[in-house]
Amino acid sequence: MSSSLNEVVALAPLDALPPDSLHACDAPVDGENEPLILYRDPQGEVRAWRNVCPHAGRRLDFAPGKFLRSKAGELVCAVHGATFALPQGNCVAGPCRGDCLRAVPVHVAEGEVRLGDAG
């Protein structure tokens, strides 16, 4: 699946992402269909990362769309326990400490989370 520069790629309705929630989806990124993680922070801002742990290149969810969270609210890789601070996406504990999740630009328009920068 590829997208042209003018094509709108809707990832999820904004109201499907309550504040402080994680959501999985797939989207065309750099010409390839990629698994993504959407995160809506408590203030309502939405961020996205590739759903790939920098440690071993595996998905972070333990089942499709099901993510582990630490008691402090961080995202935890289900395979090796790497822990990522939210909303930054940087690894704060585990085998890839100091690495970051790979960010993907998203924006909100017309009640949808959309791929790419607002333009």
PDB file of N, CA and C in Angstrom:
ATOM      1  N   MET A   1       0.849  -1.166   0.000  1.00  0.00           N
ATOM      2  CA  MET A   1       0.000   0.000   0.000  1.00  0.00           C
ATOM      3  C   MET A   1       0.896   1.231   0.000  1.00  0.00           C
ATOM      4  N   SER A   2       0.721   2.103  -0.939  1.00  0.00           N
ATOM      5  CA  SER A   2       1.463   3.350  -0.949  1.00  0.00           C
ATOM      6  C   SER A   2       0.474   4.495  -0.988  1.00  0.00           C
ATOM      7  N   SER A   3       0.973   5.675  -0.671  1.00  0.00           N
ATOM      8  CA  SER A   3       0.087   6.827  -0.689  1.00  0.00           C
ATOM      9  C   SER A   3       0.770   7.953  -1.437  1.00  0.00           C
ATOM     10  N   SER A   4      -0.022   8.734  -2.149  1.00  0.00           N
ATOM     11  CA  SER A   4       0.523   9.896  -2.820  1.00  0.00           C
ATOM     12  C   SER A   4       0.653  11.026  -1.812  1.00  0.00           C
ATOM     13  N   LEU A   5       1.359  12.071  -2.213  1.00  0.00           N
ATOM     14  CA  LEU A   5       1.579  13.193  -1.307  1.00  0.00           C
ATOM     15  C   LEU A   5       0.281  13.881  -0.918  1.00  0.00           C
ATOM     16  N   ASN A   6      -0.725  13.830  -1.788  1.00  0.00           N
ATOM     17  CA  ASN A   6      -1.981  14.526  -1.509  1.00  0.00           C
ATOM     18  C   ASN A   6      -3.041  13.630  -0.888  1.00  0.00           C
ATOM     19  N   GLU A   7      -2.781  12.348  -0.794  1.00  0.00           N
ATOM     20  CA  GLU A   7      -3.773  11.416  -0.258  1.00  0.00           C
ATOM     21  C   GLU A   7      -3.849  11.536   1.265  1.00  0.00           C
ATOM     22  N   VAL A   8      -5.064  11.611   1.780  1.00  0.00           N
ATOM     23  CA  VAL A   8      -5.282  11.650   3.221  1.00  0.00           C
ATOM     24  C   VAL A   8      -5.337  10.210   3.722  1.00  0.00           C
ATOM     25  N   VAL A   9      -4.472   9.885   4.673  1.00  0.00           N
ATOM     26  CA  VAL A   9      -4.475   8.554   5.261  1.00  0.00           C
ATOM     27  C   VAL A   9      -4.949   8.690   6.706  1.00  0.00           C
ATOM     28  N   ALA A  10      -6.212   8.310   6.939  1.00  0.00           N
ATOM     29  CA  ALA A  10      -6.783   8.350   8.284  1.00  0.00           C
ATOM     30  C   ALA A  10      -6.368   7.091   9.031  1.00  0.00           C
ATOM     31  N   LEU A  11      -5.836   7.277  10.245  1.00  0.00           N
ATOM     32  CA  LEU A  11      -5.373   6.152  11.052  1.00  0.00           C
ATOM     33  C   LEU A  11      -6.414   5.698  12.060  1.00  0.00           C
ATOM     34  N   ALA A  12      -7.138   6.647  12.641  1.00  0.00           N
ATOM     35  CA  ALA A  12      -8.157   6.315  13.650  1.00  0.00           C
ATOM     36  C   ALA A  12      -8.996   7.549  13.933  1.00  0.00           C
ATOM     37  N   PRO A  13     -10.256   7.342  14.316  1.00  0.00           N
ATOM     38  CA  PRO A  13     -11.038   8.487  14.801  1.00  0.00           C
ATOM     39  C   PRO A  13     -10.430   8.959  16.125  1.00  0.00           C
ATOM     40  N   LEU A  14     -10.323  10.261  16.310  1.00  0.00           N
ATOM     41  CA  LEU A  14      -9.750  10.791  17.544  1.00  0.00           C
ATOM     42  C   LEU A  14     -10.507  10.294  18.766  1.00  0.00           C
ATOM     43  N   ASP A  15     -11.828  10.187  18.674  1.00  0.00           N
ATOM     44  CA  ASP A  15     -12.605   9.753  19.845  1.00  0.00           C
ATOM     45  C   ASP A  15     -12.408   8.272  20.174  1.00  0.00           C
ATOM     46  N   ALA A  16     -11.713   7.522  19.313  1.00  0.00           N
ATOM     47  CA  ALA A  16     -11.380   6.122  19.629  1.00  0.00           C
ATOM     48  C   ALA A  16     -10.141   6.034  20.516  1.00  0.00           C
ATOM     49  N   LEU A  17      -9.485   7.170  20.752  1.00  0.00           N
ATOM     50  CA  LEU A  17      -8.277   7.215  21.573  1.00  0.00           C
ATOM     51  C   LEU A  17      -8.531   8.075  22.807  1.00  0.00           C
ATOM     52  N   PRO A  18      -8.977   7.477  23.890  1.00  0.00           N
ATOM     53  CA  PRO A  18      -9.152   8.275  25.102  1.00  0.00           C
ATOM     54  C   PRO A  18      -7.792   8.807  25.579  1.00  0.00           C
ATOM     55  N   PRO A  19      -7.779   9.897  26.347  1.00  0.00           N
ATOM     56  CA  PRO A  19      -6.505  10.381  26.869  1.00  0.00           C
ATOM     57  C   PRO A  19      -5.734   9.278  27.609  1.00  0.00           C
ATOM     58  N   ASP A  20      -4.416   9.288  27.449  1.00  0.00           N
ATOM     59  CA  ASP A  20      -3.477   8.334  28.034  1.00  0.00           C
ATOM     60  C   ASP A  20      -3.730   6.905  27.547  1.00  0.00           C
ATOM     61  N   SER A  21      -4.023   6.769  26.253  1.00  0.00           N
ATOM     62  CA  SER A  21      -4.272   5.442  25.697  1.00  0.00           C
ATOM     63  C   SER A  21      -3.328   5.143  24.543  1.00  0.00           C
ATOM     64  N   LEU A  22      -3.152   3.853  24.285  1.00  0.00           N
ATOM     65  CA  LEU A  22      -2.344   3.345  23.182  1.00  0.00           C
ATOM     66  C   LEU A  22      -3.250   2.605  22.212  1.00  0.00           C
ATOM     67  N   HIS A  23      -2.954   2.722  20.930  1.00  0.00           N
ATOM     68  CA  HIS A  23      -3.777   2.116  19.893  1.00  0.00           C
ATOM     69  C   HIS A  23      -2.849   1.612  18.797  1.00  0.00           C
ATOM     70  N   ALA A  24      -3.107   0.440  18.267  1.00  0.00           N
ATOM     71  CA  ALA A  24      -2.309  -0.117  17.169  1.00  0.00           C
ATOM     72  C   ALA A  24      -3.036   0.069  15.846  1.00  0.00           C
ATOM     73  N   CYS A  25      -2.274   0.333  14.804  1.00  0.00           N
ATOM     74  CA  CYS A  25      -2.819   0.411  13.455  1.00  0.00           C
ATOM     75  C   CYS A  25      -1.684   0.137  12.476  1.00  0.00           C
ATOM     76  N   ASP A  26      -2.026   0.005  11.218  1.00  0.00           N
ATOM     77  CA  ASP A  26      -1.046  -0.146  10.148  1.00  0.00           C
ATOM     78  C   ASP A  26      -1.213   1.014   9.188  1.00  0.00           C
ATOM     79  N   ALA A  27      -0.096   1.457   8.614  1.00  0.00           N
ATOM     80  CA  ALA A  27      -0.155   2.574   7.675  1.00  0.00           C
ATOM     81  C   ALA A  27       1.035   2.527   6.730  1.00  0.00           C
ATOM     82  N   PRO A  28       0.872   3.127   5.551  1.00  0.00           N
ATOM     83  CA  PRO A  28       1.997   3.189   4.614  1.00  0.00           C
ATOM     84  C   PRO A  28       3.025   4.222   5.081  1.00  0.00           C
ATOM     85  N   VAL A  29       4.237   3.761   5.364  1.00  0.00           N
ATOM     86  CA  VAL A  29       5.324   4.637   5.796  1.00  0.00           C
ATOM     87  C   VAL A  29       6.527   4.326   4.913  1.00  0.00           C
ATOM     88  N   ASP A  30       7.042   5.342   4.245  1.00  0.00           N
ATOM     89  CA  ASP A  30       8.191   5.168   3.344  1.00  0.00           C
ATOM     90  C   ASP A  30       7.955   4.047   2.336  1.00  0.00           C
ATOM     91  N   GLY A  31       6.722   3.962   1.834  1.00  0.00           N
ATOM     92  CA  GLY A  31       6.408   2.997   0.790  1.00  0.00           C
ATOM     93  C   GLY A  31       6.108   1.585   1.269  1.00  0.00           C
ATOM     94  N   GLU A  32       6.162   1.349   2.564  1.00  0.00           N
ATOM     95  CA  GLU A  32       5.883   0.014   3.121  1.00  0.00           C
ATOM     96  C   GLU A  32       4.750   0.117   4.133  1.00  0.00           C
ATOM     97  N   ASN A  33       3.900  -0.905   4.197  1.00  0.00           N
ATOM     98  CA  ASN A  33       2.865  -0.942   5.220  1.00  0.00           C
ATOM     99  C   ASN A  33       3.528  -1.301   6.548  1.00  0.00           C
ATOM    100  N   GLU A  34       3.426  -0.438   7.528  1.00  0.00           N
ATOM    101  CA  GLU A  34       4.117  -0.597   8.809  1.00  0.00           C
ATOM    102  C   GLU A  34       3.119  -0.634   9.968  1.00  0.00           C
ATOM    103  N   PRO A  35       3.416  -1.449  10.995  1.00  0.00           N
ATOM    104  CA  PRO A  35       2.601  -1.396  12.213  1.00  0.00           C
ATOM    105  C   PRO A  35       2.995  -0.158  13.027  1.00  0.00           C
ATOM    106  N   LEU A  36       1.987   0.562  13.500  1.00  0.00           N
ATOM    107  CA  LEU A  36       2.222   1.778  14.272  1.00  0.00           C
ATOM    108  C   LEU A  36       1.560   1.688  15.644  1.00  0.00           C
ATOM    109  N   ILE A  37       2.072   2.502  16.545  1.00  0.00           N
ATOM    110  CA  ILE A  37       1.453   2.728  17.852  1.00  0.00           C
ATOM    111  C   ILE A  37       1.031   4.187  17.872  1.00  0.00           C
ATOM    112  N   LEU A  38      -0.239   4.439  18.185  1.00  0.00           N
ATOM    113  CA  LEU A  38      -0.719   5.795  18.411  1.00  0.00           C
ATOM    114  C   LEU A  38      -0.861   5.985  19.909  1.00  0.00           C
ATOM    115  N   TYR A  39      -0.424   7.129  20.406  1.00  0.00           N
ATOM    116  CA  TYR A  39      -0.556   7.444  21.827  1.00  0.00           C
ATOM    117  C   TYR A  39      -1.180   8.826  21.953  1.00  0.00           C
ATOM    118  N   ARG A  40      -2.279   8.880  22.683  1.00  0.00           N
ATOM    119  CA  ARG A  40      -2.904  10.174  22.995  1.00  0.00           C
ATOM    120  C   ARG A  40      -2.563  10.496  24.439  1.00  0.00           C
ATOM    121  N   ASP A  41      -1.781  11.562  24.624  1.00  0.00           N
ATOM    122  CA  ASP A  41      -1.335  11.895  25.974  1.00  0.00           C
ATOM    123  C   ASP A  41      -2.485  12.511  26.788  1.00  0.00           C
ATOM    124  N   PRO A  42      -2.297  12.665  28.100  1.00  0.00           N
ATOM    125  CA  PRO A  42      -3.387  13.187  28.940  1.00  0.00           C
ATOM    126  C   PRO A  42      -3.875  14.580  28.535  1.00  0.00           C
ATOM    127  N   GLN A  43      -3.037  15.364  27.837  1.00  0.00           N
ATOM    128  CA  GLN A  43      -3.449  16.686  27.382  1.00  0.00           C
ATOM    129  C   GLN A  43      -4.164  16.635  26.023  1.00  0.00           C
ATOM    130  N   GLY A  44      -4.229  15.444  25.416  1.00  0.00           N
ATOM    131  CA  GLY A  44      -4.948  15.280  24.166  1.00  0.00           C
ATOM    132  C   GLY A  44      -4.087  15.264  22.909  1.00  0.00           C
ATOM    133  N   GLU A  45      -2.779  15.512  23.028  1.00  0.00           N
ATOM    134  CA  GLU A  45      -1.884  15.455  21.880  1.00  0.00           C
ATOM    135  C   GLU A  45      -1.701  14.001  21.443  1.00  0.00           C
ATOM    136  N   VAL A  46      -1.599  13.775  20.131  1.00  0.00           N
ATOM    137  CA  VAL A  46      -1.415  12.428  19.610  1.00  0.00           C
ATOM    138  C   VAL A  46      -0.024  12.311  19.004  1.00  0.00           C
ATOM    139  N   ARG A  47       0.654  11.219  19.350  1.00  0.00           N
ATOM    140  CA  ARG A  47       1.965  10.897  18.803  1.00  0.00           C
ATOM    141  C   ARG A  47       1.894   9.502  18.199  1.00  0.00           C
ATOM    142  N   ALA A  48       2.837   9.218  17.312  1.00  0.00           N
ATOM    143  CA  ALA A  48       2.888   7.882  16.705  1.00  0.00           C
ATOM    144  C   ALA A  48       4.329   7.428  16.584  1.00  0.00           C
ATOM    145  N   TRP A  49       4.508   6.127  16.739  1.00  0.00           N
ATOM    146  CA  TRP A  49       5.811   5.489  16.557  1.00  0.00           C
ATOM    147  C   TRP A  49       5.598   4.200  15.782  1.00  0.00           C
ATOM    148  N   ARG A  50       6.652   3.731  15.151  1.00  0.00           N
ATOM    149  CA  ARG A  50       6.613   2.395  14.567  1.00  0.00           C
ATOM    150  C   ARG A  50       6.513   1.406  15.721  1.00  0.00           C
ATOM    151  N   ASN A  51       5.696   0.398  15.550  1.00  0.00           N
ATOM    152  CA  ASN A  51       5.490  -0.615  16.588  1.00  0.00           C
ATOM    153  C   ASN A  51       6.616  -1.644  16.490  1.00  0.00           C
ATOM    154  N   VAL A  52       7.837  -1.172  16.774  1.00  0.00           N
ATOM    155  CA  VAL A  52       9.035  -2.004  16.685  1.00  0.00           C
ATOM    156  C   VAL A  52       9.959  -1.616  17.830  1.00  0.00           C
ATOM    157  N   CYS A  53      10.336  -2.582  18.638  1.00  0.00           N
ATOM    158  CA  CYS A  53      11.281  -2.337  19.725  1.00  0.00           C
ATOM    159  C   CYS A  53      12.681  -2.167  19.133  1.00  0.00           C
ATOM    160  N   PRO A  54      13.408  -1.104  19.505  1.00  0.00           N
ATOM    161  CA  PRO A  54      14.746  -0.917  18.963  1.00  0.00           C
ATOM    162  C   PRO A  54      15.739  -1.994  19.410  1.00  0.00           C
ATOM    163  N   HIS A  55      15.412  -2.735  20.453  1.00  0.00           N
ATOM    164  CA  HIS A  55      16.313  -3.777  20.947  1.00  0.00           C
ATOM    165  C   HIS A  55      16.395  -4.967  20.004  1.00  0.00           C
ATOM    166  N   ALA A  56      15.263  -5.533  19.655  1.00  0.00           N
ATOM    167  CA  ALA A  56      15.279  -6.777  18.879  1.00  0.00           C
ATOM    168  C   ALA A  56      14.438  -6.709  17.609  1.00  0.00           C
ATOM    169  N   GLY A  57      13.860  -5.550  17.312  1.00  0.00           N
ATOM    170  CA  GLY A  57      13.088  -5.411  16.091  1.00  0.00           C
ATOM    171  C   GLY A  57      11.748  -6.118  16.097  1.00  0.00           C
ATOM    172  N   ARG A  58      11.237  -6.434  17.284  1.00  0.00           N
ATOM    173  CA  ARG A  58       9.938  -7.106  17.383  1.00  0.00           C
ATOM    174  C   ARG A  58       8.868  -6.109  17.788  1.00  0.00           C
ATOM    175  N   ARG A  59       7.625  -6.492  17.532  1.00  0.00           N
ATOM    176  CA  ARG A  59       6.493  -5.658  17.943  1.00  0.00           C
ATOM    177  C   ARG A  59       6.478  -5.516  19.466  1.00  0.00           C
ATOM    178  N   LEU A  60       5.969  -4.388  19.933  1.00  0.00           N
ATOM    179  CA  LEU A  60       5.895  -4.126  21.365  1.00  0.00           C
ATOM    180  C   LEU A  60       4.656  -4.728  22.013  1.00  0.00           C
ATOM    181  N   ASP A  61       3.586  -4.939  21.243  1.00  0.00           N
ATOM    182  CA  ASP A  61       2.358  -5.469  21.834  1.00  0.00           C
ATOM    183  C   ASP A  61       2.469  -6.983  22.061  1.00  0.00           C
ATOM    184  N   PHE A  62       1.802  -7.465  23.115  1.00  0.00           N
ATOM    185  CA  PHE A  62       1.843  -8.901  23.420  1.00  0.00           C
ATOM    186  C   PHE A  62       0.798  -9.677  22.630  1.00  0.00           C
ATOM    187  N   ALA A  63      -0.222  -9.007  22.171  1.00  0.00           N
ATOM    188  CA  ALA A  63      -1.249  -9.518  21.256  1.00  0.00           C
ATOM    189  C   ALA A  63      -1.619  -8.303  20.410  1.00  0.00           C
ATOM    190  N   PRO A  64      -2.157  -8.501  19.221  1.00  0.00           N
ATOM    191  CA  PRO A  64      -2.451  -7.339  18.380  1.00  0.00           C
ATOM    192  C   PRO A  64      -3.243  -6.253  19.115  1.00  0.00           C
ATOM    193  N   GLY A  65      -2.614  -5.085  19.236  1.00  0.00           N
ATOM    194  CA  GLY A  65      -3.261  -3.944  19.875  1.00  0.00           C
ATOM    195  C   GLY A  65      -3.308  -3.978  21.387  1.00  0.00           C
ATOM    196  N   LYS A  66      -2.664  -4.954  22.013  1.00  0.00           N
ATOM    197  CA  LYS A  66      -2.663  -5.076  23.481  1.00  0.00           C
ATOM    198  C   LYS A  66      -1.261  -4.769  23.995  1.00  0.00           C
ATOM    199  N   PHE A  67      -1.139  -3.688  24.756  1.00  0.00           N
ATOM    200  CA  PHE A  67       0.162  -3.215  25.222  1.00  0.00           C
ATOM    201  C   PHE A  67       0.278  -3.333  26.740  1.00  0.00           C
ATOM    202  N   LEU A  68       1.502  -3.600  27.185  1.00  0.00           N
ATOM    203  CA  LEU A  68       1.796  -3.629  28.616  1.00  0.00           C
ATOM    204  C   LEU A  68       2.202  -2.232  29.056  1.00  0.00           C
ATOM    205  N   ARG A  69       1.759  -1.844  30.256  1.00  0.00           N
ATOM    206  CA  ARG A  69       2.148  -0.560  30.846  1.00  0.00           C
ATOM    207  C   ARG A  69       2.711  -0.836  32.228  1.00  0.00           C
ATOM    208  N   SER A  70       3.741  -0.095  32.600  1.00  0.00           N
ATOM    209  CA  SER A  70       4.305  -0.205  33.943  1.00  0.00           C
ATOM    210  C   SER A  70       3.370   0.494  34.929  1.00  0.00           C
ATOM    211  N   LYS A  71       3.639   0.330  36.219  1.00  0.00           N
ATOM    212  CA  LYS A  71       2.830   1.025  37.234  1.00  0.00           C
ATOM    213  C   LYS A  71       2.921   2.534  37.069  1.00  0.00           C
ATOM    214  N   ALA A  72       4.060   3.007  36.544  1.00  0.00           N
ATOM    215  CA  ALA A  72       4.255   4.446  36.320  1.00  0.00           C
ATOM    216  C   ALA A  72       3.639   4.909  34.990  1.00  0.00           C
ATOM    217  N   GLY A  73       3.069   3.975  34.209  1.00  0.00           N
ATOM    218  CA  GLY A  73       2.405   4.331  32.966  1.00  0.00           C
ATOM    219  C   GLY A  73       3.256   4.233  31.726  1.00  0.00           C
ATOM    220  N   GLU A  74       4.498   3.761  31.849  1.00  0.00           N
ATOM    221  CA  GLU A  74       5.366   3.638  30.675  1.00  0.00           C
ATOM    222  C   GLU A  74       4.938   2.441  29.829  1.00  0.00           C
ATOM    223  N   LEU A  75       5.294   2.502  28.562  1.00  0.00           N
ATOM    224  CA  LEU A  75       5.050   1.409  27.630  1.00  0.00           C
ATOM    225  C   LEU A  75       6.160   0.373  27.817  1.00  0.00           C
ATOM    226  N   VAL A  76       5.788  -0.908  27.948  1.00  0.00           N
ATOM    227  CA  VAL A  76       6.764  -1.969  28.187  1.00  0.00           C
ATOM    228  C   VAL A  76       6.712  -2.968  27.039  1.00  0.00           C
ATOM    229  N   CYS A  77       7.876  -3.266  26.466  1.00  0.00           N
ATOM    230  CA  CYS A  77       7.958  -4.268  25.410  1.00  0.00           C
ATOM    231  C   CYS A  77       7.621  -5.627  26.002  1.00  0.00           C
ATOM    232  N   ALA A  78       6.714  -6.329  25.367  1.00  0.00           N
ATOM    233  CA  ALA A  78       6.245  -7.615  25.875  1.00  0.00           C
ATOM    234  C   ALA A  78       7.296  -8.711  25.753  1.00  0.00           C
ATOM    235  N   VAL A  79       8.318  -8.530  24.920  1.00  0.00           N
ATOM    236  CA  VAL A  79       9.300  -9.594  24.699  1.00  0.00           C
ATOM    237  C   VAL A  79      10.451  -9.536  25.696  1.00  0.00           C
ATOM    238  N   HIS A  80      11.133  -8.397  25.795  1.00  0.00           N
ATOM    239  CA  HIS A  80      12.317  -8.311  26.652  1.00  0.00           C
ATOM    240  C   HIS A  80      12.206  -7.267  27.758  1.00  0.00           C
ATOM    241  N   GLY A  81      11.062  -6.622  27.901  1.00  0.00           N
ATOM    242  CA  GLY A  81      10.847  -5.704  29.013  1.00  0.00           C
ATOM    243  C   GLY A  81      11.442  -4.317  28.861  1.00  0.00           C
ATOM    244  N   ALA A  82      11.887  -3.940  27.681  1.00  0.00           N
ATOM    245  CA  ALA A  82      12.348  -2.560  27.494  1.00  0.00           C
ATOM    246  C   ALA A  82      11.197  -1.624  27.861  1.00  0.00           C
ATOM    247  N   THR A  83      11.514  -0.535  28.552  1.00  0.00           N
ATOM    248  CA  THR A  83      10.500   0.368  29.074  1.00  0.00           C
ATOM    249  C   THR A  83      10.668   1.738  28.443  1.00  0.00           C
ATOM    250  N   PHE A  84       9.590   2.267  27.873  1.00  0.00           N
ATOM    251  CA  PHE A  84       9.624   3.521  27.133  1.00  0.00           C
ATOM    252  C   PHE A  84       8.775   4.576  27.818  1.00  0.00           C
ATOM    253  N   ALA A  85       9.380   5.738  28.081  1.00  0.00           N
ATOM    254  CA  ALA A  85       8.665   6.854  28.692  1.00  0.00           C
ATOM    255  C   ALA A  85       7.658   7.409  27.687  1.00  0.00           C
ATOM    256  N   LEU A  86       6.513   7.786  28.197  1.00  0.00           N
ATOM    257  CA  LEU A  86       5.488   8.420  27.380  1.00  0.00           C
ATOM    258  C   LEU A  86       5.295   9.839  27.897  1.00  0.00           C
ATOM    259  N   PRO A  87       5.189  10.818  27.052  1.00  0.00           N
ATOM    260  CA  PRO A  87       4.946  10.734  25.622  1.00  0.00           C
ATOM    261  C   PRO A  87       6.200  10.782  24.749  1.00  0.00           C
ATOM    262  N   GLN A  88       7.387  10.771  25.313  1.00  0.00           N
ATOM    263  CA  GLN A  88       8.599  10.962  24.520  1.00  0.00           C
ATOM    264  C   GLN A  88       8.973   9.758  23.650  1.00  0.00           C
ATOM    265  N   GLY A  89       8.752   8.535  24.149  1.00  0.00           N
ATOM    266  CA  GLY A  89       9.117   7.342  23.391  1.00  0.00           C
ATOM    267  C   GLY A  89      10.552   6.905  23.589  1.00  0.00           C
ATOM    268  N   ASN A  90      11.248   7.492  24.579  1.00  0.00           N
ATOM    269  CA  ASN A  90      12.629   7.096  24.822  1.00  0.00           C
ATOM    270  C   ASN A  90      12.689   5.935  25.821  1.00  0.00           C
ATOM    271  N   CYS A  91      13.649   5.024  25.586  1.00  0.00           N
ATOM    272  CA  CYS A  91      13.805   3.861  26.452  1.00  0.00           C
ATOM    273  C   CYS A  91      14.502   4.279  27.738  1.00  0.00           C
ATOM    274  N   VAL A  92      13.849   4.036  28.868  1.00  0.00           N
ATOM    275  CA  VAL A  92      14.387   4.437  30.170  1.00  0.00           C
ATOM    276  C   VAL A  92      14.856   3.255  31.001  1.00  0.00           C
ATOM    277  N   ALA A  93      14.569   2.036  30.554  1.00  0.00           N
ATOM    278  CA  ALA A  93      15.021   0.836  31.275  1.00  0.00           C
ATOM    279  C   ALA A  93      14.992  -0.352  30.324  1.00  0.00           C
ATOM    280  N   GLY A  94      15.876  -1.304  30.586  1.00  0.00           N
ATOM    281  CA  GLY A  94      15.893  -2.517  29.779  1.00  0.00           C
ATOM    282  C   GLY A  94      17.050  -2.546  28.798  1.00  0.00           C
ATOM    283  N   PRO A  95      17.014  -3.499  27.888  1.00  0.00           N
ATOM    284  CA  PRO A  95      18.167  -3.768  27.026  1.00  0.00           C
ATOM    285  C   PRO A  95      18.490  -2.691  25.995  1.00  0.00           C
ATOM    286  N   CYS A  96      17.589  -1.762  25.739  1.00  0.00           N
ATOM    287  CA  CYS A  96      17.886  -0.711  24.742  1.00  0.00           C
ATOM    288  C   CYS A  96      17.861   0.670  25.373  1.00  0.00           C
ATOM    289  N   ARG A  97      18.183   0.747  26.675  1.00  0.00           N
ATOM    290  CA  ARG A  97      18.190   2.030  27.386  1.00  0.00           C
ATOM    291  C   ARG A  97      18.974   3.061  26.580  1.00  0.00           C
ATOM    292  N   GLY A  98      18.370   4.241  26.437  1.00  0.00           N
ATOM    293  CA  GLY A  98      18.997   5.324  25.683  1.00  0.00           C
ATOM    294  C   GLY A  98      18.520   5.410  24.245  1.00  0.00           C
ATOM    295  N   ASP A  99      17.964   4.333  23.702  1.00  0.00           N
ATOM    296  CA  ASP A  99      17.391   4.369  22.355  1.00  0.00           C
ATOM    297  C   ASP A  99      15.991   4.983  22.420  1.00  0.00           C
ATOM    298  N   CYS A 100      15.430   5.255  21.259  1.00  0.00           N
ATOM    299  CA  CYS A 100      14.078   5.812  21.173  1.00  0.00           C
ATOM    300  C   CYS A 100      13.262   5.024  20.159  1.00  0.00           C
ATOM    301  N   LEU A 101      11.959   5.009  20.373  1.00  0.00           N
ATOM    302  CA  LEU A 101      11.065   4.493  19.347  1.00  0.00           C
ATOM    303  C   LEU A 101      11.147   5.421  18.143  1.00  0.00           C
ATOM    304  N   ARG A 102      10.936   4.892  16.952  1.00  0.00           N
ATOM    305  CA  ARG A 102      11.011   5.691  15.723  1.00  0.00           C
ATOM    306  C   ARG A 102       9.689   6.411  15.496  1.00  0.00           C
ATOM    307  N   ALA A 103       9.729   7.723  15.626  1.00  0.00           N
ATOM    308  CA  ALA A 103       8.529   8.542  15.496  1.00  0.00           C
ATOM    309  C   ALA A 103       8.047   8.593  14.048  1.00  0.00           C
ATOM    310  N   VAL A 104       6.741   8.694  13.909  1.00  0.00           N
ATOM    311  CA  VAL A 104       6.082   8.852  12.617  1.00  0.00           C
ATOM    312  C   VAL A 104       5.190  10.090  12.749  1.00  0.00           C
ATOM    313  N   PRO A 105       5.271  11.041  11.811  1.00  0.00           N
ATOM    314  CA  PRO A 105       4.455  12.245  11.951  1.00  0.00           C
ATOM    315  C   PRO A 105       2.968  11.970  11.752  1.00  0.00           C
ATOM    316  N   VAL A 106       2.174  12.522  12.649  1.00  0.00           N
ATOM    317  CA  VAL A 106       0.721  12.453  12.559  1.00  0.00           C
ATOM    318  C   VAL A 106       0.154  13.804  12.965  1.00  0.00           C
ATOM    319  N   HIS A 107      -1.089  14.040  12.584  1.00  0.00           N
ATOM    320  CA  HIS A 107      -1.803  15.243  12.999  1.00  0.00           C
ATOM    321  C   HIS A 107      -3.290  14.910  13.114  1.00  0.00           C
ATOM    322  N   VAL A 108      -4.021  15.800  13.757  1.00  0.00           N
ATOM    323  CA  VAL A 108      -5.462  15.620  13.914  1.00  0.00           C
ATOM    324  C   VAL A 108      -6.165  16.655  13.047  1.00  0.00           C
ATOM    325  N   ALA A 109      -7.110  16.168  12.253  1.00  0.00           N
ATOM    326  CA  ALA A 109      -7.929  17.050  11.421  1.00  0.00           C
ATOM    327  C   ALA A 109      -9.304  16.425  11.257  1.00  0.00           C
ATOM    328  N   GLU A 110     -10.321  17.248  11.362  1.00  0.00           N
ATOM    329  CA  GLU A 110     -11.705  16.802  11.158  1.00  0.00           C
ATOM    330  C   GLU A 110     -12.052  15.569  11.995  1.00  0.00           C
ATOM    331  N   GLY A 111     -11.554  15.531  13.228  1.00  0.00           N
ATOM    332  CA  GLY A 111     -11.877  14.438  14.134  1.00  0.00           C
ATOM    333  C   GLY A 111     -11.151  13.131  13.867  1.00  0.00           C
ATOM    334  N   GLU A 112     -10.118  13.172  12.993  1.00  0.00           N
ATOM    335  CA  GLU A 112      -9.355  11.966  12.678  1.00  0.00           C
ATOM    336  C   GLU A 112      -7.878  12.175  12.988  1.00  0.00           C
ATOM    337  N   VAL A 113      -7.224  11.082  13.376  1.00  0.00           N
ATOM    338  CA  VAL A 113      -5.761  11.077  13.430  1.00  0.00           C
ATOM    339  C   VAL A 113      -5.299  10.684  12.040  1.00  0.00           C
ATOM    340  N   ARG A 114      -4.466  11.533  11.448  1.00  0.00           N
ATOM    341  CA  ARG A 114      -4.034  11.327  10.075  1.00  0.00           C
ATOM    342  C   ARG A 114      -2.512  11.225   9.981  1.00  0.00           C
ATOM    343  N   LEU A 115      -2.055  10.450   9.042  1.00  0.00           N
ATOM    344  CA  LEU A 115      -0.644  10.280   8.791  1.00  0.00           C
ATOM    345  C   LEU A 115      -0.068  11.553   8.195  1.00  0.00           C
ATOM    346  N   GLY A 116       1.126  11.931   8.623  1.00  0.00           N
ATOM    347  CA  GLY A 116       1.834  13.075   8.062  1.00  0.00           C
ATOM    348  C   GLY A 116       1.666  14.345   8.872  1.00  0.00           C
ATOM    349  N   ASP A 117       2.466  15.317   8.493  1.00  0.00           N
ATOM    350  CA  ASP A 117       2.390  16.626   9.136  1.00  0.00           C
ATOM    351  C   ASP A 117       1.151  17.369   8.643  1.00  0.00           C
ATOM    352  N   ALA A 118       0.613  18.219   9.504  1.00  0.00           N
ATOM    353  CA  ALA A 118      -0.529  19.048   9.090  1.00  0.00           C
ATOM    354  C   ALA A 118      -0.043  19.994   8.005  1.00  0.00           C
ATOM    355  N   GLY A 119      -0.819  20.179   6.998  1.00  0.00           N
ATOM    356  CA  GLY A 119      -0.326  21.047   5.931  1.00  0.00           C
ATOM    357  C   GLY A 119      -1.412  21.669   5.231  1.00  0.00           C
TER     358      GLY A 119
END
